[in-house]
PDB file of N, CA and C in Angstrom:
ATOM      1  N   MET A   1      -7.295  18.344 -22.593  1.00  0.00           N
ATOM      2  CA  MET A   1      -6.531  17.210 -21.734  1.00  0.00           C
ATOM      3  C   MET A   1      -6.337  16.459 -21.920  1.00  0.00           C
ATOM      4  N   PRO A   2      -4.925  16.020 -21.604  1.00  0.00           N
ATOM      5  CA  PRO A   2      -4.820  14.453 -22.298  1.00  0.00           C
ATOM      6  C   PRO A   2      -5.205  13.362 -21.269  1.00  0.00           C
ATOM      7  N   ARG A   3      -5.604  12.354 -21.832  1.00  0.00           N
ATOM      8  CA  ARG A   3      -6.360  11.356 -20.893  1.00  0.00           C
ATOM      9  C   ARG A   3      -5.472  10.039 -20.663  1.00  0.00           C
ATOM     10  N   VAL A   4      -5.168   9.898 -19.649  1.00  0.00           N
ATOM     11  CA  VAL A   4      -4.353   9.138 -19.028  1.00  0.00           C
ATOM     12  C   VAL A   4      -4.899   7.776 -18.474  1.00  0.00           C
ATOM     13  N   ILE A   5      -4.286   6.229 -18.725  1.00  0.00           N
ATOM     14  CA  ILE A   5      -4.998   5.249 -18.233  1.00  0.00           C
ATOM     15  C   ILE A   5      -3.872   4.671 -17.700  1.00  0.00           C
ATOM     16  N   VAL A   6      -4.799   3.783 -16.665  1.00  0.00           N
ATOM     17  CA  VAL A   6      -4.091   3.214 -15.328  1.00  0.00           C
ATOM     18  C   VAL A   6      -3.860   2.365 -15.662  1.00  0.00           C
ATOM     19  N   GLU A   7      -3.144   0.925 -15.318  1.00  0.00           N
ATOM     20  CA  GLU A   7      -3.620  -0.878 -15.409  1.00  0.00           C
ATOM     21  C   GLU A   7      -3.340  -1.502 -14.228  1.00  0.00           C
ATOM     22  N   GLN A   8      -4.178  -1.556 -13.172  1.00  0.00           N
ATOM     23  CA  GLN A   8      -4.051  -2.178 -11.998  1.00  0.00           C
ATOM     24  C   GLN A   8      -4.079  -4.221 -12.153  1.00  0.00           C
ATOM     25  N   HIS A   9      -3.931  -4.916 -11.325  1.00  0.00           N
ATOM     26  CA  HIS A   9      -3.512  -6.419 -11.189  1.00  0.00           C
ATOM     27  C   HIS A   9      -3.125  -6.740  -9.896  1.00  0.00           C
ATOM     28  N   PHE A  10      -4.332  -7.060  -8.947  1.00  0.00           N
ATOM     29  CA  PHE A  10      -4.250  -7.309  -7.648  1.00  0.00           C
ATOM     30  C   PHE A  10      -4.005  -9.226  -7.589  1.00  0.00           C
ATOM     31  N   GLU A  11      -3.378  -9.581  -6.557  1.00  0.00           N
ATOM     32  CA  GLU A  11      -3.267 -10.890  -6.758  1.00  0.00           C
ATOM     33  C   GLU A  11      -4.714 -11.513  -5.367  1.00  0.00           C
ATOM     34  N   THR A  12      -5.034 -10.835  -4.592  1.00  0.00           N
ATOM     35  CA  THR A  12      -6.808 -10.713  -4.138  1.00  0.00           C
ATOM     36  C   THR A  12      -7.523  -9.835  -4.850  1.00  0.00           C
ATOM     37  N   PRO A  13      -8.554 -10.419  -4.836  1.00  0.00           N
ATOM     38  CA  PRO A  13      -9.829  -9.223  -4.856  1.00  0.00           C
ATOM     39  C   PRO A  13      -9.671  -7.847  -4.235  1.00  0.00           C
ATOM     40  N   VAL A  14     -10.284  -7.166  -4.611  1.00  0.00           N
ATOM     41  CA  VAL A  14     -10.019  -5.921  -3.853  1.00  0.00           C
ATOM     42  C   VAL A  14     -11.884  -5.249  -3.776  1.00  0.00           C
ATOM     43  N   ASP A  15     -11.834  -5.547  -2.653  1.00  0.00           N
ATOM     44  CA  ASP A  15     -13.514  -4.811  -1.967  1.00  0.00           C
ATOM     45  C   ASP A  15     -13.742  -3.480  -2.148  1.00  0.00           C
ATOM     46  N   GLU A  16     -14.689  -2.973  -2.355  1.00  0.00           N
ATOM     47  CA  GLU A  16     -15.124  -1.925  -2.200  1.00  0.00           C
ATOM     48  C   GLU A  16     -14.887  -0.823  -1.260  1.00  0.00           C
ATOM     49  N   GLU A  17     -14.585  -1.116   0.127  1.00  0.00           N
ATOM     50  CA  GLU A  17     -13.704  -0.542   1.372  1.00  0.00           C
ATOM     51  C   GLU A  17     -12.894  -0.164   0.597  1.00  0.00           C
ATOM     52  N   GLU A  18     -11.723  -1.518   0.525  1.00  0.00           N
ATOM     53  CA  GLU A  18     -10.221  -0.802   0.093  1.00  0.00           C
ATOM     54  C   GLU A  18     -10.782   0.012  -1.176  1.00  0.00           C
ATOM     55  N   TYR A  19     -11.154  -0.062  -1.982  1.00  0.00           N
ATOM     56  CA  TYR A  19     -11.817   0.679  -3.475  1.00  0.00           C
ATOM     57  C   TYR A  19     -11.407   2.242  -2.973  1.00  0.00           C
ATOM     58  N   THR A  20     -12.697   2.556  -2.067  1.00  0.00           N
ATOM     59  CA  THR A  20     -12.920   3.756  -1.858  1.00  0.00           C
ATOM     60  C   THR A  20     -12.212   4.433  -1.409  1.00  0.00           C
ATOM     61  N   ARG A  21     -11.166   3.720  -0.330  1.00  0.00           N
ATOM     62  CA  ARG A  21     -10.609   4.724   0.938  1.00  0.00           C
ATOM     63  C   ARG A  21      -9.264   4.625   0.014  1.00  0.00           C
ATOM     64  N   LEU A  22      -8.609   3.837  -1.340  1.00  0.00           N
ATOM     65  CA  LEU A  22      -7.325   4.326  -1.792  1.00  0.00           C
ATOM     66  C   LEU A  22      -8.039   5.627  -2.999  1.00  0.00           C
ATOM     67  N   SER A  23      -9.012   5.585  -3.118  1.00  0.00           N
ATOM     68  CA  SER A  23      -9.737   6.431  -3.622  1.00  0.00           C
ATOM     69  C   SER A  23      -9.505   7.707  -3.295  1.00  0.00           C
ATOM     70  N   LYS A  24     -10.026   8.178  -2.005  1.00  0.00           N
ATOM     71  CA  LYS A  24     -10.140   9.348  -1.583  1.00  0.00           C
ATOM     72  C   LYS A  24      -8.363   9.699  -1.440  1.00  0.00           C
ATOM     73  N   ARG A  25      -7.479   8.685  -1.020  1.00  0.00           N
ATOM     74  CA  ARG A  25      -6.212   9.428  -0.502  1.00  0.00           C
ATOM     75  C   ARG A  25      -5.898   9.955  -1.994  1.00  0.00           C
ATOM     76  N   LEU A  26      -5.992   9.357  -2.966  1.00  0.00           N
ATOM     77  CA  LEU A  26      -5.556   9.327  -4.326  1.00  0.00           C
ATOM     78  C   LEU A  26      -6.174  10.925  -4.987  1.00  0.00           C
ATOM     79  N   ASP A  27      -7.354  10.742  -4.657  1.00  0.00           N
ATOM     80  CA  ASP A  27      -7.310  12.307  -5.202  1.00  0.00           C
ATOM     81  C   ASP A  27      -7.137  13.387  -4.970  1.00  0.00           C
ATOM     82  N   ASN A  28      -7.175  13.658  -3.293  1.00  0.00           N
ATOM     83  CA  ASN A  28      -5.828  14.567  -3.323  1.00  0.00           C
ATOM     84  C   ASN A  28      -4.534  14.925  -4.272  1.00  0.00           C
ATOM     85  N   CYS A  29      -3.682  13.841  -3.909  1.00  0.00           N
ATOM     86  CA  CYS A  29      -2.592  13.796  -4.698  1.00  0.00           C
ATOM     87  C   CYS A  29      -2.939  14.073  -6.201  1.00  0.00           C
ATOM     88  N   LEU A  30      -3.809  13.874  -6.615  1.00  0.00           N
ATOM     89  CA  LEU A  30      -4.432  14.042  -7.943  1.00  0.00           C
ATOM     90  C   LEU A  30      -4.156  15.947  -8.278  1.00  0.00           C
ATOM     91  N   GLU A  31      -5.151  16.163  -7.307  1.00  0.00           N
ATOM     92  CA  GLU A  31      -5.853  17.645  -7.508  1.00  0.00           C
ATOM     93  C   GLU A  31      -4.313  18.087  -7.582  1.00  0.00           C
ATOM     94  N   LEU A  32      -3.446  18.222  -6.771  1.00  0.00           N
ATOM     95  CA  LEU A  32      -2.009  18.650  -6.274  1.00  0.00           C
ATOM     96  C   LEU A  32      -1.591  18.714  -7.750  1.00  0.00           C
ATOM     97  N   ARG A  33      -1.863  18.038  -8.513  1.00  0.00           N
ATOM     98  CA  ARG A  33      -1.220  17.303 -10.103  1.00  0.00           C
ATOM     99  C   ARG A  33      -2.142  18.017 -11.048  1.00  0.00           C
ATOM    100  N   ASN A  34      -2.846  18.654 -10.546  1.00  0.00           N
ATOM    101  CA  ASN A  34      -3.914  19.193 -12.118  1.00  0.00           C
ATOM    102  C   ASN A  34      -4.642  18.084 -12.461  1.00  0.00           C
ATOM    103  N   ALA A  35      -4.491  17.097 -11.931  1.00  0.00           N
ATOM    104  CA  ALA A  35      -5.042  15.978 -12.312  1.00  0.00           C
ATOM    105  C   ALA A  35      -6.380  15.416 -12.008  1.00  0.00           C
ATOM    106  N   ALA A  36      -7.474  14.653 -12.623  1.00  0.00           N
ATOM    107  CA  ALA A  36      -8.641  14.195 -11.737  1.00  0.00           C
ATOM    108  C   ALA A  36      -8.917  13.258 -12.511  1.00  0.00           C
ATOM    109  N   TRP A  37      -9.770  12.076 -11.584  1.00  0.00           N
ATOM    110  CA  TRP A  37     -10.127  10.866 -11.928  1.00  0.00           C
ATOM    111  C   TRP A  37     -11.741  11.246 -13.320  1.00  0.00           C
ATOM    112  N   VAL A  38     -11.703   9.764 -14.311  1.00  0.00           N
ATOM    113  CA  VAL A  38     -12.687   9.979 -15.198  1.00  0.00           C
ATOM    114  C   VAL A  38     -13.773   9.104 -14.868  1.00  0.00           C
ATOM    115  N   ARG A  39     -13.239   7.349 -14.819  1.00  0.00           N
ATOM    116  CA  ARG A  39     -13.571   6.423 -14.593  1.00  0.00           C
ATOM    117  C   ARG A  39     -12.686   5.513 -14.633  1.00  0.00           C
ATOM    118  N   SER A  40     -13.716   4.240 -14.229  1.00  0.00           N
ATOM    119  CA  SER A  40     -12.942   3.239 -13.984  1.00  0.00           C
ATOM    120  C   SER A  40     -13.953   1.695 -14.592  1.00  0.00           C
ATOM    121  N   ALA A  41     -12.629   0.944 -14.943  1.00  0.00           N
ATOM    122  CA  ALA A  41     -13.703  -0.417 -14.965  1.00  0.00           C
ATOM    123  C   ALA A  41     -12.899  -1.425 -14.324  1.00  0.00           C
ATOM    124  N   MET A  42     -13.577  -2.435 -13.689  1.00  0.00           N
ATOM    125  CA  MET A  42     -12.992  -3.500 -12.660  1.00  0.00           C
ATOM    126  C   MET A  42     -13.467  -4.735 -12.954  1.00  0.00           C
ATOM    127  N   SER A  43     -12.574  -5.639 -13.122  1.00  0.00           N
ATOM    128  CA  SER A  43     -12.979  -6.775 -13.457  1.00  0.00           C
ATOM    129  C   SER A  43     -13.960  -7.814 -12.644  1.00  0.00           C
ATOM    130  N   THR A  44     -15.023  -8.450 -13.083  1.00  0.00           N
ATOM    131  CA  THR A  44     -15.630  -8.898 -12.366  1.00  0.00           C
ATOM    132  C   THR A  44     -15.446  -9.764 -11.569  1.00  0.00           C
ATOM    133  N   ASP A  45     -13.674 -10.226 -11.358  1.00  0.00           N
ATOM    134  CA  ASP A  45     -13.306 -11.350 -10.448  1.00  0.00           C
ATOM    135  C   ASP A  45     -12.420 -10.174  -9.740  1.00  0.00           C
ATOM    136  N   ARG A  46     -12.889  -8.818  -9.917  1.00  0.00           N
ATOM    137  CA  ARG A  46     -12.022  -8.042  -9.043  1.00  0.00           C
ATOM    138  C   ARG A  46     -10.422  -7.759  -8.791  1.00  0.00           C
ATOM    139  N   LYS A  47     -10.012  -8.746  -9.378  1.00  0.00           N
ATOM    140  CA  LYS A  47      -8.712  -8.321  -9.435  1.00  0.00           C
ATOM    141  C   LYS A  47      -7.447  -7.913 -10.599  1.00  0.00           C
ATOM    142  N   HIS A  48      -8.179  -7.128 -11.572  1.00  0.00           N
ATOM    143  CA  HIS A  48      -7.809  -6.279 -12.541  1.00  0.00           C
ATOM    144  C   HIS A  48      -8.565  -4.631 -13.058  1.00  0.00           C
ATOM    145  N   MET A  49      -8.136  -3.870 -12.926  1.00  0.00           N
ATOM    146  CA  MET A  49      -8.863  -2.872 -12.992  1.00  0.00           C
ATOM    147  C   MET A  49      -7.508  -1.748 -14.166  1.00  0.00           C
ATOM    148  N   ILE A  50      -8.859  -1.397 -15.028  1.00  0.00           N
ATOM    149  CA  ILE A  50      -8.007   0.003 -15.789  1.00  0.00           C
ATOM    150  C   ILE A  50      -8.953   1.637 -15.028  1.00  0.00           C
ATOM    151  N   CYS A  51      -8.068   2.790 -14.531  1.00  0.00           N
ATOM    152  CA  CYS A  51      -9.017   4.134 -14.497  1.00  0.00           C
ATOM    153  C   CYS A  51      -8.350   4.686 -15.467  1.00  0.00           C
ATOM    154  N   GLU A  52      -9.206   6.171 -15.805  1.00  0.00           N
ATOM    155  CA  GLU A  52      -9.003   6.941 -16.950  1.00  0.00           C
ATOM    156  C   GLU A  52      -8.986   7.989 -16.396  1.00  0.00           C
ATOM    157  N   PHE A  53      -8.414   9.117 -16.642  1.00  0.00           N
ATOM    158  CA  PHE A  53      -8.121  10.158 -15.796  1.00  0.00           C
ATOM    159  C   PHE A  53      -7.526  11.457 -16.545  1.00  0.00           C
ATOM    160  N   GLU A  54      -7.833  12.683 -16.321  1.00  0.00           N
ATOM    161  CA  GLU A  54      -7.225  14.041 -17.461  1.00  0.00           C
ATOM    162  C   GLU A  54      -6.206  13.973 -16.769  1.00  0.00           C
ATOM    163  N   ALA A  55      -5.228  14.406 -16.892  1.00  0.00           N
ATOM    164  CA  ALA A  55      -4.034  14.463 -16.368  1.00  0.00           C
ATOM    165  C   ALA A  55      -3.108  15.564 -17.539  1.00  0.00           C
ATOM    166  N   PRO A  56      -2.237  16.578 -16.650  1.00  0.00           N
ATOM    167  CA  PRO A  56      -0.959  16.920 -17.915  1.00  0.00           C
ATOM    168  C   PRO A  56      -0.117  16.254 -18.835  1.00  0.00           C
ATOM    169  N   ASP A  57      -0.101  15.014 -17.593  1.00  0.00           N
ATOM    170  CA  ASP A  57       0.668  13.919 -18.652  1.00  0.00           C
ATOM    171  C   ASP A  57       0.674  12.439 -17.401  1.00  0.00           C
ATOM    172  N   ALA A  58       1.683  11.594 -18.315  1.00  0.00           N
ATOM    173  CA  ALA A  58       1.221  10.408 -17.380  1.00  0.00           C
ATOM    174  C   ALA A  58       2.152  10.059 -16.147  1.00  0.00           C
ATOM    175  N   GLU A  59       3.033  11.374 -16.406  1.00  0.00           N
ATOM    176  CA  GLU A  59       4.017  11.242 -15.032  1.00  0.00           C
ATOM    177  C   GLU A  59       3.512  11.851 -13.514  1.00  0.00           C
ATOM    178  N   SER A  60       2.791  12.757 -13.874  1.00  0.00           N
ATOM    179  CA  SER A  60       1.827  13.264 -13.144  1.00  0.00           C
ATOM    180  C   SER A  60       0.899  11.989 -12.239  1.00  0.00           C
ATOM    181  N   VAL A  61      -0.015  11.347 -12.854  1.00  0.00           N
ATOM    182  CA  VAL A  61      -0.353  10.213 -12.382  1.00  0.00           C
ATOM    183  C   VAL A  61       0.359   9.057 -11.702  1.00  0.00           C
ATOM    184  N   ARG A  62       1.676   9.119 -12.329  1.00  0.00           N
ATOM    185  CA  ARG A  62       2.405   7.574 -12.066  1.00  0.00           C
ATOM    186  C   ARG A  62       2.558   8.799 -10.446  1.00  0.00           C
ATOM    187  N   GLN A  63       2.995   9.937 -10.408  1.00  0.00           N
ATOM    188  CA  GLN A  63       3.843  10.375  -9.274  1.00  0.00           C
ATOM    189  C   GLN A  63       2.625  10.120  -8.121  1.00  0.00           C
ATOM    190  N   SER A  64       1.378  10.203  -8.442  1.00  0.00           N
ATOM    191  CA  SER A  64       0.203  10.725  -7.522  1.00  0.00           C
ATOM    192  C   SER A  64      -0.058   8.973  -6.964  1.00  0.00           C
ATOM    193  N   TYR A  65      -0.060   8.189  -7.911  1.00  0.00           N
ATOM    194  CA  TYR A  65      -0.057   6.888  -7.262  1.00  0.00           C
ATOM    195  C   TYR A  65       1.007   5.745  -6.672  1.00  0.00           C
ATOM    196  N   ARG A  66       2.150   6.602  -6.726  1.00  0.00           N
ATOM    197  CA  ARG A  66       3.395   6.150  -5.729  1.00  0.00           C
ATOM    198  C   ARG A  66       3.581   7.184  -4.679  1.00  0.00           C
ATOM    199  N   SER A  67       2.962   8.223  -4.825  1.00  0.00           N
ATOM    200  CA  SER A  67       2.890   9.183  -3.391  1.00  0.00           C
ATOM    201  C   SER A  67       2.034   8.498  -2.088  1.00  0.00           C
ATOM    202  N   VAL A  68       0.565   7.659  -2.203  1.00  0.00           N
ATOM    203  CA  VAL A  68      -0.101   7.162  -1.614  1.00  0.00           C
ATOM    204  C   VAL A  68       0.162   5.479  -1.743  1.00  0.00           C
ATOM    205  N   GLY A  69       1.172   5.189  -2.269  1.00  0.00           N
ATOM    206  CA  GLY A  69       1.266   3.508  -2.115  1.00  0.00           C
ATOM    207  C   GLY A  69       0.726   3.098  -2.602  1.00  0.00           C
ATOM    208  N   ALA A  70       0.236   3.409  -3.779  1.00  0.00           N
ATOM    209  CA  ALA A  70      -0.523   2.718  -4.447  1.00  0.00           C
ATOM    210  C   ALA A  70       0.017   1.596  -5.905  1.00  0.00           C
ATOM    211  N   ALA A  71       0.357   0.455  -5.839  1.00  0.00           N
ATOM    212  CA  ALA A  71       0.738  -0.095  -7.160  1.00  0.00           C
ATOM    213  C   ALA A  71       0.045  -0.238  -8.611  1.00  0.00           C
ATOM    214  N   PHE A  72       0.772  -0.254  -9.459  1.00  0.00           N
ATOM    215  CA  PHE A  72       0.486  -0.342 -10.599  1.00  0.00           C
ATOM    216  C   PHE A  72       0.881  -0.735 -11.835  1.00  0.00           C
ATOM    217  N   THR A  73       0.579  -1.004 -12.708  1.00  0.00           N
ATOM    218  CA  THR A  73       1.130  -1.993 -13.429  1.00  0.00           C
ATOM    219  C   THR A  73       1.484  -1.203 -14.636  1.00  0.00           C
ATOM    220  N   ARG A  74       0.944  -0.291 -14.976  1.00  0.00           N
ATOM    221  CA  ARG A  74       1.156   0.452 -16.049  1.00  0.00           C
ATOM    222  C   ARG A  74       0.475   1.608 -16.228  1.00  0.00           C
ATOM    223  N   VAL A  75       1.144   2.980 -16.705  1.00  0.00           N
ATOM    224  CA  VAL A  75       0.390   3.939 -16.935  1.00  0.00           C
ATOM    225  C   VAL A  75       0.950   4.650 -18.563  1.00  0.00           C
ATOM    226  N   TRP A  76      -0.241   5.215 -18.876  1.00  0.00           N
ATOM    227  CA  TRP A  76       0.066   5.733 -20.396  1.00  0.00           C
ATOM    228  C   TRP A  76      -0.509   6.540 -21.025  1.00  0.00           C
ATOM    229  N   SER A  77      -0.092   7.764 -21.589  1.00  0.00           N
ATOM    230  CA  SER A  77      -1.462   8.265 -22.396  1.00  0.00           C
ATOM    231  C   SER A  77      -2.067   7.927 -23.134  1.00  0.00           C
ATOM    232  N   ALA A  78      -3.236   7.956 -23.204  1.00  0.00           N
ATOM    233  CA  ALA A  78      -4.287   7.800 -24.482  1.00  0.00           C
ATOM    234  C   ALA A  78      -5.063   9.134 -25.222  1.00  0.00           C
ATOM    235  N   THR A  79      -5.393   8.426 -26.536  1.00  0.00           N
ATOM    236  CA  THR A  79      -6.508   8.995 -27.061  1.00  0.00           C
ATOM    237  C   THR A  79      -7.753   7.978 -26.612  1.00  0.00           C
ATOM    238  N   VAL A  80      -8.846   8.765 -26.607  1.00  0.00           N
ATOM    239  CA  VAL A  80     -10.014   7.886 -26.086  1.00  0.00           C
ATOM    240  C   VAL A  80     -11.002   8.126 -27.299  1.00  0.00           C
ATOM    241  N   TYR A  81     -11.938   7.108 -27.403  1.00  0.00           N
ATOM    242  CA  TYR A  81     -12.886   7.284 -28.581  1.00  0.00           C
ATOM    243  C   TYR A  81     -13.814   6.857 -27.498  1.00  0.00           C
ATOM    244  N   ALA A  82     -14.940   7.746 -27.983  1.00  0.00           N
ATOM    245  CA  ALA A  82     -15.922   7.011 -27.171  1.00  0.00           C
ATOM    246  C   ALA A  82     -17.225   7.528 -27.651  1.00  0.00           C
ATOM    247  N   VAL A  83     -18.521   6.357 -27.530  1.00  0.00           N
ATOM    248  CA  VAL A  83     -19.507   5.913 -28.679  1.00  0.00           C
ATOM    249  C   VAL A  83     -20.444   7.360 -28.446  1.00  0.00           C
ATOM    250  N   GLU A  84     -20.273   8.230 -27.434  1.00  0.00           N
ATOM    251  CA  GLU A  84     -21.161   9.539 -27.363  1.00  0.00           C
ATOM    252  C   GLU A  84     -20.729  10.659 -28.447  1.00  0.00           C
ATOM    253  N   ASP A  85     -20.089  10.096 -29.153  1.00  0.00           N
ATOM    254  CA  ASP A  85     -18.848  11.126 -30.252  1.00  0.00           C
ATOM    255  C   ASP A  85     -19.172  10.872 -31.552  1.00  0.00           C
ATOM    256  N   TYR A  86     -20.065   9.247 -31.464  1.00  0.00           N
ATOM    257  CA  TYR A  86     -19.887   9.192 -32.786  1.00  0.00           C
ATOM    258  C   TYR A  86     -21.715   8.676 -32.862  1.00  0.00           C
ATOM    259  N   PRO A  87     -22.426   9.667 -33.771  1.00  0.00           N
ATOM    260  CA  PRO A  87     -24.062   9.762 -33.427  1.00  0.00           C
ATOM    261  C   PRO A  87     -24.192   8.259 -34.001  1.00  0.00           C
ATOM    262  N   GLU A  88     -23.590   8.195 -35.397  1.00  0.00           N
ATOM    263  CA  GLU A  88     -24.213   6.357 -35.766  1.00  0.00           C
ATOM    264  C   GLU A  88     -23.961   5.062 -34.719  1.00  0.00           C
ATOM    265  N   PRO A  89     -23.337   4.950 -34.383  1.00  0.00           N
ATOM    266  CA  PRO A  89     -22.501   3.982 -32.920  1.00  0.00           C
ATOM    267  C   PRO A  89     -23.467   4.362 -32.056  1.00  0.00           C
ATOM    268  N   MET A  90     -23.799   5.557 -31.552  1.00  0.00           N
ATOM    269  CA  MET A  90     -24.721   6.214 -30.415  1.00  0.00           C
ATOM    270  C   MET A  90     -25.959   5.606 -30.617  1.00  0.00           C
ATOM    271  N   ALA A  91     -26.860   6.157 -31.718  1.00  0.00           N
ATOM    272  CA  ALA A  91     -28.202   5.631 -31.965  1.00  0.00           C
ATOM    273  C   ALA A  91     -28.099   3.949 -31.875  1.00  0.00           C
ATOM    274  N   LYS A  92     -27.167   3.237 -32.651  1.00  0.00           N
ATOM    275  CA  LYS A  92     -27.331   1.987 -32.483  1.00  0.00           C
ATOM    276  C   LYS A  92     -27.395   1.278 -31.156  1.00  0.00           C
ATOM    277  N   LEU A  93     -26.306   2.002 -30.495  1.00  0.00           N
ATOM    278  CA  LEU A  93     -26.209   1.297 -29.073  1.00  0.00           C
ATOM    279  C   LEU A  93     -27.753   1.886 -28.147  1.00  0.00           C
ATOM    280  N   THR A  94     -28.308   3.056 -28.652  1.00  0.00           N
ATOM    281  CA  THR A  94     -29.378   3.248 -27.640  1.00  0.00           C
ATOM    282  C   THR A  94     -30.570   2.594 -27.981  1.00  0.00           C
ATOM    283  N   ALA A  95     -30.594   1.985 -29.624  1.00  0.00           N
ATOM    284  CA  ALA A  95     -31.720   1.150 -29.587  1.00  0.00           C
ATOM    285  C   ALA A  95     -31.356  -0.052 -29.192  1.00  0.00           C
ATOM    286  N   LEU A  96     -30.355  -0.668 -29.050  1.00  0.00           N
ATOM    287  CA  LEU A  96     -30.086  -2.082 -28.229  1.00  0.00           C
ATOM    288  C   LEU A  96     -30.444  -1.956 -26.964  1.00  0.00           C
ATOM    289  N   ARG A  97     -30.347  -0.884 -25.855  1.00  0.00           N
ATOM    290  CA  ARG A  97     -30.517  -0.458 -24.733  1.00  0.00           C
ATOM    291  C   ARG A  97     -32.004  -0.680 -24.732  1.00  0.00           C
ATOM    292  N   ALA A  98     -32.603   0.028 -25.929  1.00  0.00           N
ATOM    293  CA  ALA A  98     -33.867  -0.509 -25.638  1.00  0.00           C
ATOM    294  C   ALA A  98     -34.518  -1.188 -25.756  1.00  0.00           C
ATOM    295  N   LYS A  99     -34.057  -2.588 -26.022  1.00  0.00           N
ATOM    296  CA  LYS A  99     -34.185  -4.029 -26.807  1.00  0.00           C
ATOM    297  C   LYS A  99     -34.225  -4.640 -25.173  1.00  0.00           C
ATOM    298  N   VAL A 100     -33.302  -4.177 -24.151  1.00  0.00           N
ATOM    299  CA  VAL A 100     -32.995  -5.177 -23.357  1.00  0.00           C
ATOM    300  C   VAL A 100     -33.564  -4.361 -21.761  1.00  0.00           C
TER     301      VAL A 100
END
């Protein structure tokens, strides 16, 4: 299934409670459109976030965000490259993690 990336930017930091509330509302809308959340990355100042979804297309995710009134900057389809899919870089990462 295609991967879809959502970029969000906030004027004020998003607290954990607000993030959880939004996620719960969004999950139902995503499910109706055969989409699901995969992972998110929140900036340390909590003013920027990137979310990854598996979805039929980017428009399904846009519709989900709009239906719950969640603002987004961009939504786009992507090819995801993950270290877990490449044995040599994964071995290097594992070794690095063991050091620290």
